[in-house]
Amino acid sequence: MRLLAEETLSDQEWLEETRIKIDEGIASLERGERIGGETFVNQLLTQLKQAKEA
């Protein structure tokens, strides 16, 4: 069982990592770098599968 402080830290780390990824995605779009919806979904499914296996 995780302690509340550990859970809060983990949540804060996830939130910061997510914010960074969003900022990177916005910057990429502003540069005109885009991928198709199917490619995005396939990449997301691959990442979810890898996370589940870890």
PDB file of N, CA and C in Angstrom:
ATOM      1  N   MET A   1       0.838  -1.184   0.000  1.00  0.00           N
ATOM      2  CA  MET A   1       0.000   0.000   0.000  1.00  0.00           C
ATOM      3  C   MET A   1       0.881   1.244   0.000  1.00  0.00           C
ATOM      4  N   ARG A   2       0.570   2.151  -0.916  1.00  0.00           N
ATOM      5  CA  ARG A   2       1.371   3.369  -1.017  1.00  0.00           C
ATOM      6  C   ARG A   2       0.917   4.393   0.003  1.00  0.00           C
ATOM      7  N   LEU A   3       1.881   5.144   0.492  1.00  0.00           N
ATOM      8  CA  LEU A   3       1.559   6.226   1.406  1.00  0.00           C
ATOM      9  C   LEU A   3       0.975   7.394   0.631  1.00  0.00           C
ATOM     10  N   LEU A   4       0.187   8.195   1.290  1.00  0.00           N
ATOM     11  CA  LEU A   4      -0.448   9.339   0.649  1.00  0.00           C
ATOM     12  C   LEU A   4       0.597  10.276   0.046  1.00  0.00           C
ATOM     13  N   ALA A   5       1.697  10.511   0.743  1.00  0.00           N
ATOM     14  CA  ALA A   5       2.743  11.401   0.230  1.00  0.00           C
ATOM     15  C   ALA A   5       3.338  10.844  -1.059  1.00  0.00           C
ATOM     16  N   GLU A   6       3.550   9.530  -1.114  1.00  0.00           N
ATOM     17  CA  GLU A   6       4.087   8.899  -2.318  1.00  0.00           C
ATOM     18  C   GLU A   6       3.084   9.015  -3.463  1.00  0.00           C
ATOM     19  N   GLU A   7       1.818   8.804  -3.170  1.00  0.00           N
ATOM     20  CA  GLU A   7       0.782   8.883  -4.193  1.00  0.00           C
ATOM     21  C   GLU A   7       0.672  10.307  -4.728  1.00  0.00           C
ATOM     22  N   THR A   8       0.732  11.280  -3.849  1.00  0.00           N
ATOM     23  CA  THR A   8       0.662  12.677  -4.258  1.00  0.00           C
ATOM     24  C   THR A   8       1.851  13.037  -5.129  1.00  0.00           C
ATOM     25  N   LEU A   9       3.037  12.605  -4.760  1.00  0.00           N
ATOM     26  CA  LEU A   9       4.230  12.875  -5.543  1.00  0.00           C
ATOM     27  C   LEU A   9       4.108  12.225  -6.915  1.00  0.00           C
ATOM     28  N   SER A  10       3.649  10.993  -6.945  1.00  0.00           N
ATOM     29  CA  SER A  10       3.477  10.291  -8.204  1.00  0.00           C
ATOM     30  C   SER A  10       2.471  11.026  -9.090  1.00  0.00           C
ATOM     31  N   ASP A  11       1.382  11.477  -8.520  1.00  0.00           N
ATOM     32  CA  ASP A  11       0.371  12.220  -9.268  1.00  0.00           C
ATOM     33  C   ASP A  11       0.944  13.527  -9.795  1.00  0.00           C
ATOM     34  N   GLN A  12       1.742  14.206  -8.983  1.00  0.00           N
ATOM     35  CA  GLN A  12       2.347  15.466  -9.399  1.00  0.00           C
ATOM     36  C   GLN A  12       3.342  15.241 -10.533  1.00  0.00           C
ATOM     37  N   GLU A  13       4.112  14.161 -10.439  1.00  0.00           N
ATOM     38  CA  GLU A  13       5.066  13.835 -11.505  1.00  0.00           C
ATOM     39  C   GLU A  13       4.323  13.536 -12.799  1.00  0.00           C
ATOM     40  N   TRP A  14       3.245  12.764 -12.715  1.00  0.00           N
ATOM     41  CA  TRP A  14       2.444  12.444 -13.898  1.00  0.00           C
ATOM     42  C   TRP A  14       1.880  13.712 -14.509  1.00  0.00           C
ATOM     43  N   LEU A  15       1.362  14.600 -13.662  1.00  0.00           N
ATOM     44  CA  LEU A  15       0.780  15.849 -14.144  1.00  0.00           C
ATOM     45  C   LEU A  15       1.828  16.694 -14.860  1.00  0.00           C
ATOM     46  N   GLU A  16       3.009  16.810 -14.294  1.00  0.00           N
ATOM     47  CA  GLU A  16       4.076  17.598 -14.921  1.00  0.00           C
ATOM     48  C   GLU A  16       4.509  16.972 -16.248  1.00  0.00           C
ATOM     49  N   GLU A  17       4.666  15.661 -16.274  1.00  0.00           N
ATOM     50  CA  GLU A  17       5.039  14.976 -17.514  1.00  0.00           C
ATOM     51  C   GLU A  17       3.959  15.185 -18.583  1.00  0.00           C
ATOM     52  N   THR A  18       2.702  15.131 -18.177  1.00  0.00           N
ATOM     53  CA  THR A  18       1.601  15.328 -19.118  1.00  0.00           C
ATOM     54  C   THR A  18       1.593  16.746 -19.655  1.00  0.00           C
ATOM     55  N   ARG A  19       1.840  17.713 -18.803  1.00  0.00           N
ATOM     56  CA  ARG A  19       1.901  19.113 -19.250  1.00  0.00           C
ATOM     57  C   ARG A  19       3.022  19.318 -20.260  1.00  0.00           C
ATOM     58  N   ILE A  20       4.166  18.711 -20.002  1.00  0.00           N
ATOM     59  CA  ILE A  20       5.294  18.817 -20.927  1.00  0.00           C
ATOM     60  C   ILE A  20       4.932  18.219 -22.278  1.00  0.00           C
ATOM     61  N   LYS A  21       4.304  17.047 -22.262  1.00  0.00           N
ATOM     62  CA  LYS A  21       3.908  16.394 -23.515  1.00  0.00           C
ATOM     63  C   LYS A  21       2.901  17.237 -24.283  1.00  0.00           C
ATOM     64  N   ILE A  22       1.972  17.851 -23.580  1.00  0.00           N
ATOM     65  CA  ILE A  22       0.982  18.706 -24.242  1.00  0.00           C
ATOM     66  C   ILE A  22       1.671  19.907 -24.874  1.00  0.00           C
ATOM     67  N   ASP A  23       2.581  20.534 -24.129  1.00  0.00           N
ATOM     68  CA  ASP A  23       3.319  21.678 -24.671  1.00  0.00           C
ATOM     69  C   ASP A  23       4.127  21.277 -25.904  1.00  0.00           C
ATOM     70  N   GLU A  24       4.748  20.107 -25.863  1.00  0.00           N
ATOM     71  CA  GLU A  24       5.515  19.621 -27.017  1.00  0.00           C
ATOM     72  C   GLU A  24       4.591  19.373 -28.206  1.00  0.00           C
ATOM     73  N   GLY A  25       3.415  18.827 -27.943  1.00  0.00           N
ATOM     74  CA  GLY A  25       2.451  18.570 -29.009  1.00  0.00           C
ATOM     75  C   GLY A  25       1.958  19.856 -29.648  1.00  0.00           C
ATOM     76  N   ILE A  26       1.687  20.852 -28.834  1.00  0.00           N
ATOM     77  CA  ILE A  26       1.242  22.137 -29.365  1.00  0.00           C
ATOM     78  C   ILE A  26       2.339  22.762 -30.215  1.00  0.00           C
ATOM     79  N   ALA A  27       3.573  22.723 -29.729  1.00  0.00           N
ATOM     80  CA  ALA A  27       4.694  23.280 -30.494  1.00  0.00           C
ATOM     81  C   ALA A  27       4.854  22.545 -31.817  1.00  0.00           C
ATOM     82  N   SER A  28       4.682  21.240 -31.807  1.00  0.00           N
ATOM     83  CA  SER A  28       4.788  20.445 -33.025  1.00  0.00           C
ATOM     84  C   SER A  28       3.710  20.843 -34.031  1.00  0.00           C
ATOM     85  N   LEU A  29       2.497  21.028 -33.558  1.00  0.00           N
ATOM     86  CA  LEU A  29       1.409  21.452 -34.440  1.00  0.00           C
ATOM     87  C   LEU A  29       1.677  22.839 -35.019  1.00  0.00           C
ATOM     88  N   GLU A  30       2.217  23.718 -34.189  1.00  0.00           N
ATOM     89  CA  GLU A  30       2.526  25.071 -34.658  1.00  0.00           C
ATOM     90  C   GLU A  30       3.607  25.061 -35.740  1.00  0.00           C
ATOM     91  N   ARG A  31       4.470  24.052 -35.714  1.00  0.00           N
ATOM     92  CA  ARG A  31       5.508  23.913 -36.744  1.00  0.00           C
ATOM     93  C   ARG A  31       4.965  23.206 -37.985  1.00  0.00           C
ATOM     94  N   GLY A  32       3.704  22.797 -37.936  1.00  0.00           N
ATOM     95  CA  GLY A  32       3.095  22.118 -39.077  1.00  0.00           C
ATOM     96  C   GLY A  32       3.347  20.623 -39.105  1.00  0.00           C
ATOM     97  N   GLU A  33       3.862  20.081 -38.017  1.00  0.00           N
ATOM     98  CA  GLU A  33       4.128  18.644 -37.930  1.00  0.00           C
ATOM     99  C   GLU A  33       2.870  17.950 -37.422  1.00  0.00           C
ATOM    100  N   ARG A  34       2.265  17.175 -38.293  1.00  0.00           N
ATOM    101  CA  ARG A  34       1.027  16.490 -37.915  1.00  0.00           C
ATOM    102  C   ARG A  34       1.088  15.034 -38.339  1.00  0.00           C
ATOM    103  N   ILE A  35       0.326  14.222 -37.636  1.00  0.00           N
ATOM    104  CA  ILE A  35       0.181  12.831 -38.037  1.00  0.00           C
ATOM    105  C   ILE A  35      -1.305  12.554 -38.185  1.00  0.00           C
ATOM    106  N   GLY A  36      -1.628  11.545 -38.963  1.00  0.00           N
ATOM    107  CA  GLY A  36      -3.023  11.180 -39.166  1.00  0.00           C
ATOM    108  C   GLY A  36      -3.614  10.542 -37.924  1.00  0.00           C
ATOM    109  N   GLY A  37      -4.925  10.570 -37.867  1.00  0.00           N
ATOM    110  CA  GLY A  37      -5.627  10.009 -36.723  1.00  0.00           C
ATOM    111  C   GLY A  37      -5.354   8.531 -36.528  1.00  0.00           C
ATOM    112  N   GLU A  38      -5.299   7.771 -37.617  1.00  0.00           N
ATOM    113  CA  GLU A  38      -5.049   6.337 -37.513  1.00  0.00           C
ATOM    114  C   GLU A  38      -3.654   6.068 -36.957  1.00  0.00           C
ATOM    115  N   THR A  39      -2.683   6.831 -37.412  1.00  0.00           N
ATOM    116  CA  THR A  39      -1.309   6.686 -36.917  1.00  0.00           C
ATOM    117  C   THR A  39      -1.261   7.000 -35.428  1.00  0.00           C
ATOM    118  N   PHE A  40      -1.933   8.072 -35.032  1.00  0.00           N
ATOM    119  CA  PHE A  40      -1.965   8.463 -33.615  1.00  0.00           C
ATOM    120  C   PHE A  40      -2.557   7.351 -32.759  1.00  0.00           C
ATOM    121  N   VAL A  41      -3.699   6.829 -33.172  1.00  0.00           N
ATOM    122  CA  VAL A  41      -4.369   5.784 -32.393  1.00  0.00           C
ATOM    123  C   VAL A  41      -3.483   4.540 -32.306  1.00  0.00           C
ATOM    124  N   ASN A  42      -2.844   4.157 -33.402  1.00  0.00           N
ATOM    125  CA  ASN A  42      -1.965   2.987 -33.381  1.00  0.00           C
ATOM    126  C   ASN A  42      -0.789   3.192 -32.440  1.00  0.00           C
ATOM    127  N   GLN A  43      -0.216   4.392 -32.441  1.00  0.00           N
ATOM    128  CA  GLN A  43       0.892   4.681 -31.523  1.00  0.00           C
ATOM    129  C   GLN A  43       0.417   4.632 -30.079  1.00  0.00           C
ATOM    130  N   LEU A  44      -0.760   5.184 -29.823  1.00  0.00           N
ATOM    131  CA  LEU A  44      -1.318   5.171 -28.477  1.00  0.00           C
ATOM    132  C   LEU A  44      -1.592   3.747 -28.008  1.00  0.00           C
ATOM    133  N   LEU A  45      -2.150   2.923 -28.866  1.00  0.00           N
ATOM    134  CA  LEU A  45      -2.414   1.528 -28.506  1.00  0.00           C
ATOM    135  C   LEU A  45      -1.120   0.782 -28.207  1.00  0.00           C
ATOM    136  N   THR A  46      -0.092   1.048 -28.985  1.00  0.00           N
ATOM    137  CA  THR A  46       1.211   0.426 -28.750  1.00  0.00           C
ATOM    138  C   THR A  46       1.767   0.830 -27.388  1.00  0.00           C
ATOM    139  N   GLN A  47       1.675   2.112 -27.064  1.00  0.00           N
ATOM    140  CA  GLN A  47       2.167   2.597 -25.774  1.00  0.00           C
ATOM    141  C   GLN A  47       1.381   1.991 -24.617  1.00  0.00           C
ATOM    142  N   LEU A  48       0.070   1.886 -24.772  1.00  0.00           N
ATOM    143  CA  LEU A  48      -0.749   1.291 -23.719  1.00  0.00           C
ATOM    144  C   LEU A  48      -0.417  -0.180 -23.521  1.00  0.00           C
ATOM    145  N   LYS A  49      -0.179  -0.875 -24.621  1.00  0.00           N
ATOM    146  CA  LYS A  49       0.179  -2.297 -24.534  1.00  0.00           C
ATOM    147  C   LYS A  49       1.516  -2.463 -23.814  1.00  0.00           C
ATOM    148  N   GLN A  50       2.475  -1.618 -24.145  1.00  0.00           N
ATOM    149  CA  GLN A  50       3.792  -1.682 -23.511  1.00  0.00           C
ATOM    150  C   GLN A  50       3.690  -1.381 -22.018  1.00  0.00           C
ATOM    151  N   ALA A  51       2.873  -0.395 -21.666  1.00  0.00           N
ATOM    152  CA  ALA A  51       2.702  -0.043 -20.256  1.00  0.00           C
ATOM    153  C   ALA A  51       2.049  -1.182 -19.491  1.00  0.00           C
ATOM    154  N   LYS A  52       1.102  -1.844 -20.121  1.00  0.00           N
ATOM    155  CA  LYS A  52       0.404  -2.957 -19.466  1.00  0.00           C
ATOM    156  C   LYS A  52       1.346  -4.132 -19.241  1.00  0.00           C
ATOM    157  N   GLU A  53       2.260  -4.350 -20.193  1.00  0.00           N
ATOM    158  CA  GLU A  53       3.201  -5.469 -20.084  1.00  0.00           C
ATOM    159  C   GLU A  53       4.308  -5.185 -19.072  1.00  0.00           C
ATOM    160  N   ALA A  54       4.556  -3.918 -18.780  1.00  0.00           N
ATOM    161  CA  ALA A  54       5.644  -3.546 -17.857  1.00  0.00           C
ATOM    162  C   ALA A  54       5.271  -3.793 -16.410  1.00  0.00           C
TER     163      ALA A  54
END
